[in-house]
Protein backbone atom coordinates (compact mmCIF):
# COMPACT_ATOMS: atom_id res chain seq x y z
CA MET A 1 7.71 -50.00 55.40
CA SER A 2 4.43 -48.74 53.94
CA PRO A 3 1.77 -51.14 52.64
CA ALA A 4 2.42 -49.84 49.13
CA ALA A 5 6.03 -50.97 49.22
CA SER A 6 5.54 -54.66 49.91
CA PRO A 7 2.75 -56.15 47.78
CA GLN A 8 1.08 -59.39 48.84
CA ARG A 9 3.46 -60.17 51.72
CA ALA A 10 0.58 -60.25 54.21
CA THR A 11 -1.82 -62.13 51.96
CA ALA A 12 0.22 -64.96 50.44
CA HIS A 13 -1.70 -67.53 52.50
CA LEU A 14 -5.12 -66.05 51.66
CA PRO A 15 -7.35 -66.74 48.61
CA SER A 16 -6.16 -65.26 45.31
CA THR A 17 -8.10 -62.56 43.51
CA ASP A 18 -9.15 -65.17 40.92
CA LEU A 19 -12.25 -65.62 43.05
CA LEU A 20 -14.12 -67.93 40.65
CA HIS A 21 -11.04 -70.05 39.83
CA LEU A 22 -11.11 -69.19 36.13
CA GLU A 23 -7.45 -70.18 35.89
CA HIS A 24 -8.52 -73.75 36.71
CA LEU A 25 -10.24 -73.83 33.31
CA LEU A 26 -6.88 -73.47 31.57
CA SER A 27 -4.57 -76.29 30.59
CA ALA A 28 -1.62 -77.03 32.85
CA GLN A 29 0.72 -75.45 30.29
CA GLU A 30 -1.43 -72.31 30.09
CA ARG A 31 -1.53 -72.00 33.88
CA GLU A 32 2.25 -72.22 34.05
CA ARG A 33 2.65 -69.58 31.35
CA LEU A 34 0.14 -67.31 33.04
CA ARG A 35 2.00 -67.61 36.35
CA GLY A 36 5.24 -66.57 34.64
CA ILE A 37 3.57 -63.58 33.01
CA THR A 38 1.89 -62.60 36.27
CA ASP A 39 5.17 -62.78 38.18
CA HIS A 40 6.88 -60.49 35.68
CA LEU A 41 4.02 -58.00 35.73
CA GLN A 42 3.84 -57.89 39.52
CA THR A 43 7.60 -57.57 40.04
CA GLN A 44 8.75 -55.62 36.97
CA VAL A 45 5.74 -53.51 35.97
CA ARG A 46 3.25 -52.82 38.78
CA HIS A 47 5.32 -50.50 40.93
CA GLN A 48 7.66 -49.35 38.16
CA SER A 49 4.66 -47.97 36.25
CA VAL A 50 3.76 -45.46 38.97
CA GLY A 51 6.60 -43.09 38.12
CA TYR A 52 5.74 -43.13 34.42
CA TRP A 53 2.09 -42.51 35.31
CA ASN A 54 2.95 -39.56 37.56
CA ARG A 55 5.14 -38.05 34.83
CA GLU A 56 2.58 -38.77 32.09
CA GLU A 57 5.34 -40.55 30.18
CA LEU A 58 5.29 -43.57 27.85
CA ALA A 59 6.97 -46.51 29.59
CA ARG A 60 9.16 -47.52 26.65
CA GLU A 61 11.71 -49.20 28.90
CA LEU A 62 9.08 -51.72 30.00
CA LEU A 63 8.14 -52.80 26.47
CA PRO A 64 11.08 -55.18 25.76
CA GLY A 65 10.18 -57.27 28.80
CA LEU A 66 6.58 -57.47 27.62
CA ALA A 67 7.74 -58.42 24.12
CA ASP A 68 9.86 -61.23 25.60
CA LEU A 69 6.63 -62.65 27.05
CA SER A 70 5.07 -62.54 23.53
CA LEU A 71 2.53 -59.94 24.66
CA GLY A 72 2.81 -58.18 21.30
CA ARG A 73 1.52 -61.27 19.50
CA LEU A 74 -1.13 -62.74 21.80
CA ALA A 75 -3.17 -64.28 18.98
CA GLU A 76 -0.12 -66.43 18.13
CA SER A 77 0.34 -67.58 21.72
CA GLY A 78 -1.15 -70.98 20.98
CA GLY A 79 -3.37 -70.50 23.99
CA SER A 80 -7.13 -70.52 24.26
CA ARG A 81 -9.19 -67.35 24.08
CA LEU A 82 -9.69 -67.60 27.85
CA PHE A 83 -5.91 -67.75 28.34
CA GLN A 84 -5.44 -64.64 26.21
CA ASN A 85 -8.13 -62.82 28.15
CA LEU A 86 -6.65 -63.80 31.51
CA VAL A 87 -3.33 -62.41 30.27
CA HIS A 88 -5.17 -59.14 29.60
CA VAL A 89 -6.51 -59.34 33.16
CA GLN A 90 -3.03 -59.64 34.61
CA VAL A 91 -1.69 -56.74 32.55
CA ALA A 92 -4.60 -54.56 33.72
CA ARG A 93 -4.09 -55.71 37.29
CA ALA A 94 -0.51 -54.40 37.09
CA ASP A 95 -1.23 -51.22 35.11
CA LEU A 96 -4.27 -50.13 33.11
CA SER A 97 -2.33 -47.83 30.78
CA LEU A 98 -0.08 -50.63 29.56
CA SER A 99 -3.16 -52.82 29.37
CA ALA A 100 -4.74 -50.25 27.03
CA LEU A 101 -1.57 -50.10 24.94
CA LEU A 102 -1.29 -53.88 24.59
CA GLY A 103 -5.00 -54.45 24.14
CA ILE A 104 -5.41 -51.90 21.36
CA HIS A 105 -2.17 -53.17 19.83
CA ASN A 106 -3.38 -56.77 19.71
CA GLU A 107 -7.07 -56.21 19.02
CA LEU A 108 -7.09 -53.20 16.71
CA ILE A 109 -3.62 -52.81 15.17
CA VAL A 110 -2.33 -56.34 14.67
CA GLY A 111 -5.93 -57.61 14.46
CA THR A 112 -6.88 -55.17 11.68
CA LEU A 113 -3.78 -55.94 9.63
CA GLU A 114 -4.24 -59.69 10.04
CA ALA A 115 -7.90 -59.53 9.07
CA PHE A 116 -7.92 -56.90 6.33
CA GLY A 117 -4.35 -56.16 5.21
CA SER A 118 -2.65 -57.25 2.00
CA GLU A 119 0.21 -59.71 2.14
CA GLU A 120 2.63 -56.88 1.42
CA GLN A 121 1.20 -54.78 4.26
CA LYS A 122 1.45 -57.72 6.64
CA GLN A 123 5.04 -58.44 5.68
CA THR A 124 5.98 -54.77 5.99
CA TRP A 125 4.46 -54.07 9.39
CA LEU A 126 3.61 -57.18 11.39
CA PRO A 127 7.13 -58.40 12.29
CA GLY A 128 8.09 -55.13 14.01
CA LEU A 129 4.69 -54.69 15.60
CA LYS A 130 4.58 -58.17 17.06
CA GLU A 131 7.98 -57.66 18.69
CA LEU A 132 6.86 -54.25 20.02
CA ARG A 133 9.80 -52.70 18.17
CA GLN A 134 7.20 -50.68 16.29
CA LEU A 135 3.93 -49.26 17.53
CA GLY A 136 0.65 -48.52 15.80
CA ALA A 137 -2.13 -45.95 16.17
CA PHE A 138 -5.80 -46.66 15.40
CA CYS A 139 -7.07 -43.38 13.93
CA LEU A 140 -10.86 -43.45 14.03
CA THR A 141 -12.29 -40.91 16.52
CA GLU A 142 -12.49 -37.27 15.42
CA PRO A 143 -12.77 -33.93 17.25
CA GLU A 144 -16.43 -33.56 16.30
CA HIS A 145 -17.35 -37.23 15.95
CA GLY A 146 -17.05 -39.76 18.75
CA SER A 147 -20.21 -41.73 19.47
CA ASP A 148 -21.58 -40.95 15.99
CA ILE A 149 -18.38 -41.78 14.15
CA ALA A 150 -19.88 -44.44 11.87
CA GLY A 151 -22.20 -41.97 10.19
CA GLY A 152 -20.41 -38.72 10.92
CA LEU A 153 -16.78 -39.47 10.05
CA ALA A 154 -15.46 -36.41 8.21
CA THR A 155 -11.86 -37.29 7.27
CA THR A 156 -11.69 -37.67 3.50
CA ALA A 157 -9.80 -39.89 1.08
CA THR A 158 -9.73 -38.72 -2.54
CA ARG A 159 -8.31 -40.61 -5.49
CA ASP A 160 -5.58 -38.66 -7.24
CA GLY A 161 -4.00 -40.41 -10.18
CA ASP A 162 -2.61 -43.73 -8.96
CA GLY A 163 -2.87 -42.82 -5.29
CA TRP A 164 -4.93 -41.23 -2.54
CA VAL A 165 -4.93 -37.89 -0.75
CA LEU A 166 -6.15 -37.81 2.85
CA ASN A 167 -7.36 -34.73 4.72
CA GLY A 168 -8.91 -34.42 8.16
CA SER A 169 -8.43 -34.46 11.91
CA LYS A 170 -8.43 -37.25 14.47
CA ARG A 171 -8.60 -36.97 18.27
CA TRP A 172 -7.87 -39.18 21.28
CA ILE A 173 -5.57 -41.32 19.18
CA GLY A 174 -3.54 -43.65 21.38
CA LEU A 175 0.21 -43.47 20.62
CA GLY A 176 -0.49 -40.98 17.84
CA THR A 177 2.71 -39.05 18.57
CA VAL A 178 5.02 -42.07 18.76
CA ALA A 179 3.48 -44.61 16.38
CA ASP A 180 5.34 -45.88 13.34
CA LEU A 181 2.11 -46.94 11.63
CA ALA A 182 -1.27 -45.22 11.66
CA LEU A 183 -4.37 -47.09 10.55
CA VAL A 184 -6.47 -44.18 9.34
CA TRP A 185 -10.20 -44.44 8.67
CA ALA A 186 -11.36 -41.97 6.02
CA ARG A 187 -14.43 -41.47 3.84
CA ASP A 188 -13.93 -42.02 0.12
CA THR A 189 -15.18 -38.87 -1.60
CA ALA A 190 -16.19 -40.93 -4.64
CA ASP A 191 -18.51 -43.52 -3.09
CA GLY A 192 -19.01 -42.22 0.48
CA LEU A 193 -17.73 -45.43 2.06
CA VAL A 194 -15.41 -45.37 5.08
CA LYS A 195 -12.13 -47.17 4.33
CA CYS A 196 -8.92 -47.93 6.18
CA PHE A 197 -5.43 -46.89 5.06
CA ALA A 198 -2.00 -47.93 6.32
CA VAL A 199 -0.04 -44.72 6.85
CA ASP A 200 3.66 -44.48 7.57
CA THR A 201 3.72 -41.65 10.12
CA ALA A 202 7.02 -40.37 8.71
CA LEU A 203 5.21 -39.23 5.56
CA PRO A 204 4.71 -35.49 4.95
CA GLY A 205 1.17 -34.47 5.84
CA TYR A 206 0.93 -36.50 9.06
CA SER A 207 1.36 -34.56 12.29
CA ALA A 208 0.40 -35.35 15.88
CA THR A 209 0.28 -33.37 19.11
CA LYS A 210 0.10 -34.98 22.54
CA ILE A 211 -3.06 -34.31 24.55
CA GLU A 212 -1.80 -33.02 27.89
CA HIS A 213 -3.20 -33.11 31.44
CA LYS A 214 -5.22 -36.33 31.29
CA ILE A 215 -6.24 -37.66 34.70
CA GLY A 216 -6.40 -41.29 33.54
CA LEU A 217 -4.35 -43.73 31.44
CA ARG A 218 -1.52 -41.23 31.75
CA ILE A 219 1.14 -43.62 30.42
CA MET A 220 -0.84 -44.10 27.21
CA GLN A 221 0.02 -41.12 25.00
CA ASN A 222 -3.14 -39.82 23.31
CA ALA A 223 -2.92 -37.31 20.50
CA ASP A 224 -4.63 -34.95 18.14
CA VAL A 225 -3.68 -36.02 14.62
CA GLU A 226 -3.80 -33.75 11.58
CA LEU A 227 -3.81 -35.15 8.04
CA THR A 228 -3.01 -32.41 5.55
CA ASP A 229 -2.87 -33.34 1.87
CA LEU A 230 -1.32 -36.64 2.93
CA ARG A 231 -0.41 -38.51 -0.25
CA LEU A 232 -0.51 -42.30 -0.26
CA PRO A 233 0.07 -44.94 -2.93
CA ALA A 234 -2.92 -46.94 -4.10
CA ASP A 235 -1.77 -49.98 -2.16
CA ALA A 236 -2.03 -48.11 1.17
CA LEU A 237 -5.71 -49.07 1.21
CA LEU A 238 -6.34 -52.22 3.25
CA PRO A 239 -8.11 -54.41 0.69
CA GLY A 240 -10.37 -56.05 3.24
CA ALA A 241 -11.42 -52.75 4.83
CA ALA A 242 -13.05 -50.93 1.94
CA ASP A 243 -16.25 -50.48 3.96
CA PHE A 244 -16.81 -49.55 7.63
CA ALA A 245 -18.94 -52.66 8.17
CA ALA A 246 -15.71 -54.65 7.97
CA THR A 247 -14.78 -53.39 11.43
CA ASN A 248 -17.83 -54.81 13.18
CA ASP A 249 -16.25 -58.03 14.44
CA LEU A 250 -13.04 -56.26 15.48
CA LEU A 251 -14.93 -53.59 17.42
CA LYS A 252 -17.10 -56.23 19.09
CA ASP A 253 -14.06 -58.14 20.26
CA SER A 254 -12.22 -55.02 21.41
CA ARG A 255 -15.28 -53.83 23.34
CA ALA A 256 -15.46 -57.19 25.09
CA TRP A 257 -11.74 -56.95 25.86
CA VAL A 258 -12.41 -53.78 27.86
CA GLY A 259 -14.64 -55.87 30.12
CA TRP A 260 -11.58 -58.00 30.89
CA GLN A 261 -9.63 -54.82 31.60
CA ALA A 262 -12.24 -54.01 34.21
CA VAL A 263 -11.75 -57.44 35.79
CA GLY A 264 -8.01 -56.79 36.02
CA ALA A 265 -8.60 -53.35 37.52
CA GLN A 266 -10.83 -54.89 40.18
CA GLN A 267 -8.23 -57.53 40.98
CA GLY A 268 -5.71 -54.72 41.44
CA LEU A 269 -8.12 -52.86 43.70
CA LEU A 270 -8.69 -55.93 45.86
CA ASP A 271 -4.93 -56.57 46.07
CA ILE A 272 -4.25 -53.09 47.40
CA LEU A 273 -7.35 -52.86 49.59
CA ARG A 274 -6.64 -56.15 51.34
CA ASP A 275 -2.90 -55.50 51.79
CA TYR A 276 -3.45 -52.01 53.12
CA THR A 277 -6.27 -52.76 55.53
CA LEU A 278 -4.44 -55.74 57.03
CA GLU A 279 -1.38 -53.59 57.73
CA ARG A 280 -2.93 -50.23 58.60
CA VAL A 281 -3.43 -50.07 62.39
CA GLN A 282 -5.89 -47.69 64.06
CA PHE A 283 -7.24 -47.90 67.61
CA GLY A 284 -4.72 -50.66 68.21
CA ARG A 285 -6.11 -53.01 65.55
CA PRO A 286 -5.69 -53.60 61.79
CA ILE A 287 -8.52 -51.71 60.13
CA ALA A 288 -9.42 -54.91 58.25
CA SER A 289 -10.89 -56.10 61.55
CA PHE A 290 -13.58 -53.40 61.56
CA GLN A 291 -17.03 -54.23 60.21
CA LEU A 292 -17.29 -51.21 57.90
CA ILE A 293 -14.00 -52.09 56.21
CA GLN A 294 -14.97 -55.76 55.90
CA GLN A 295 -18.20 -54.65 54.22
CA VAL A 296 -16.17 -52.71 51.65
CA ILE A 297 -13.86 -55.68 51.06
CA ALA A 298 -16.86 -57.97 50.56
CA GLU A 299 -18.56 -55.59 48.12
CA VAL A 300 -15.39 -55.09 46.09
CA ALA A 301 -14.98 -58.88 45.97
CA GLY A 302 -18.62 -59.28 44.94
CA ASN A 303 -18.25 -56.84 42.04
CA LEU A 304 -15.08 -58.64 40.96
CA ALA A 305 -16.76 -62.05 41.08
CA ALA A 306 -19.78 -60.77 39.12
CA SER A 307 -17.54 -59.20 36.46
CA SER A 308 -15.38 -62.33 36.22
CA GLY A 309 -18.35 -64.63 35.75
CA LEU A 310 -19.89 -62.33 33.15
CA MET A 311 -16.69 -62.09 31.15
CA ALA A 312 -16.02 -65.84 31.32
CA GLN A 313 -19.44 -66.49 29.77
CA VAL A 314 -18.87 -63.82 27.11
CA THR A 315 -15.67 -65.68 26.19
CA ARG A 316 -17.66 -68.90 25.76
CA VAL A 317 -20.09 -67.05 23.48
CA GLN A 318 -17.12 -65.77 21.46
CA ASP A 319 -15.71 -69.27 21.19
CA ASP A 320 -19.08 -70.44 19.84
CA GLY A 321 -18.99 -67.71 17.19
CA GLU A 322 -22.19 -66.17 18.54
CA LEU A 323 -20.94 -62.88 20.00
CA GLU A 324 -23.20 -59.98 19.06
CA MET A 325 -22.62 -56.29 19.70
CA MET A 326 -25.26 -56.45 22.43
CA HIS A 327 -23.16 -59.00 24.36
CA ALA A 328 -20.01 -56.92 24.01
CA ALA A 329 -21.79 -53.70 24.99
CA LEU A 330 -23.42 -55.35 28.01
CA ALA A 331 -20.13 -56.85 29.16
CA LYS A 332 -18.16 -53.63 28.74
CA SER A 333 -20.73 -51.34 30.33
CA THR A 334 -21.45 -53.63 33.28
CA ALA A 335 -17.88 -54.58 34.17
CA THR A 336 -16.61 -51.00 33.91
CA ARG A 337 -19.53 -49.72 35.99
CA LEU A 338 -18.72 -52.22 38.73
CA SER A 339 -15.02 -51.38 38.59
CA ARG A 340 -15.83 -47.69 38.94
CA GLN A 341 -18.01 -48.41 41.97
CA SER A 342 -15.32 -50.56 43.58
CA ALA A 343 -12.61 -47.98 42.95
CA ALA A 344 -14.60 -45.34 44.84
CA GLN A 345 -15.24 -47.70 47.76
CA ALA A 346 -11.63 -48.87 47.95
CA ARG A 347 -10.30 -45.33 47.79
CA ASP A 348 -12.58 -44.31 50.65
CA ALA A 349 -11.34 -47.23 52.78
CA LEU A 350 -7.76 -45.97 52.47
CA GLY A 351 -8.69 -42.55 53.83
CA GLY A 352 -6.21 -39.79 53.02
CA ASN A 353 -3.65 -42.29 51.74
CA GLY A 354 -6.15 -43.28 49.08
CA LEU A 355 -5.51 -39.94 47.43
CA LEU A 356 -1.86 -40.79 46.73
CA SER A 357 -0.84 -42.52 43.51
CA ASP A 358 1.93 -44.24 45.50
CA HIS A 359 -0.68 -46.43 47.15
CA GLY A 360 -2.20 -47.39 43.79
CA ILE A 361 -5.90 -46.93 44.46
CA ALA A 362 -6.05 -43.33 43.20
CA LYS A 363 -4.17 -44.36 40.05
CA ILE A 364 -6.59 -47.21 39.33
CA MET A 365 -9.57 -45.00 40.16
CA ALA A 366 -8.46 -42.40 37.61
CA ASP A 367 -7.65 -45.04 34.98
CA VAL A 368 -11.05 -46.69 35.44
CA GLU A 369 -12.68 -43.39 34.44
CA ALA A 370 -10.99 -43.76 31.07
CA ILE A 371 -12.00 -47.37 30.41
CA HIS A 372 -15.55 -46.51 31.51
CA THR A 373 -15.60 -43.98 28.66
CA TYR A 374 -13.61 -45.38 25.73
CA GLU A 375 -14.61 -48.15 23.31
CA GLY A 376 -18.12 -46.73 23.48
CA SER A 377 -19.20 -44.66 26.49
CA TYR A 378 -21.29 -46.26 29.23
CA HIS A 379 -24.52 -44.68 28.02
CA ILE A 380 -23.94 -45.48 24.35
CA ASN A 381 -23.36 -49.12 25.26
CA SER A 382 -26.52 -49.08 27.37
CA LEU A 383 -28.50 -47.87 24.35
CA ILE A 384 -27.02 -50.67 22.23
CA VAL A 385 -28.16 -53.24 24.80
CA ALA A 386 -31.66 -51.79 25.14
CA ARG A 387 -32.07 -51.49 21.36
CA ALA A 388 -31.30 -55.19 20.99
CA LEU A 389 -33.73 -56.14 23.77
CA THR A 390 -36.65 -53.94 22.66
CA GLY A 391 -36.17 -53.63 18.92
CA ILE A 392 -36.44 -49.85 19.32
CA SER A 393 -33.52 -47.51 18.73
CA ALA A 394 -33.19 -44.49 21.02
CA PHE A 395 -30.29 -43.09 19.00
CA VAL A 396 -30.92 -39.69 17.44
CA SER A 397 -31.35 -40.13 13.70
């Protein structure tokens, strides 16, 4: 039996990948719930996701099991922020694509409706979304505007009688082809402000085309979305999101969440690296016994520990209500950089087998490229950090 087929059988007696014992900071009830979620993800998602990833197919069949664990309504879990973040870690440890789906769902779809939606909008959409019976798409990025989206957003919203007419294009929209609800950000042609609209994707004027041939997050279906004379009633506008500044707290929190994704990715890397090197025999010995391999294991563990400690402190800052964009940008850029470094090292340690998605490392390595780029690219986040520390903006005006 290959190392990929029997996860953790050789390492059950060894330290867990929670190297800094963050789970010990949870209540006893939270620890028990997290163990149940982790067990489901490791037995019902981790290996099952590989086929969907290879086929570049949405894993719809896995969603009911995730809904049963209340992963579509994490903010209502009754758990602490650290508990919610450690759930995100375990989802990412099992599969980064599903982690992206659930993270964006909780942070940017449910989160936006909860924070800015009308009571009618909440009653219409939240029940189905929270049970993962319905899915949402967060339509912000555009073909010509990514990093400069706040100032450059070109999609328009024009008042027409008692309603609105939307026109424009969006790109890299997660679940854009399968979503029931699209939260579309558009610029009001009257006052120039960027506003958010709840769009039923069944309406005429909404169309989406899947972006093919991605190398990372292949389960997460990204799309090009076209809005062509899309007519909406007046109450499609989210009353609390009549200005782009309203998104600041949501985008800060979602950027920090990506740092936790990177922790989960690194736990997954260490799982596979340790299992494989203990079982792979060369020159009559497990390759884990060779100094070069042990150096790789130690460095991957070090990056994981550093990322875990950083993200735990960011969570404390969030709990204190003091999270600034600089903190979120620093956390996201640092943790994803370390996960990228560890993925390359772990893949190298697996030799030729590291090139196969069946062994997991190549899959994580490709997925890490995506999380290193989305929610603000590495370099954009670096500029945000340096601007805060120096008081000087290096962004092109």
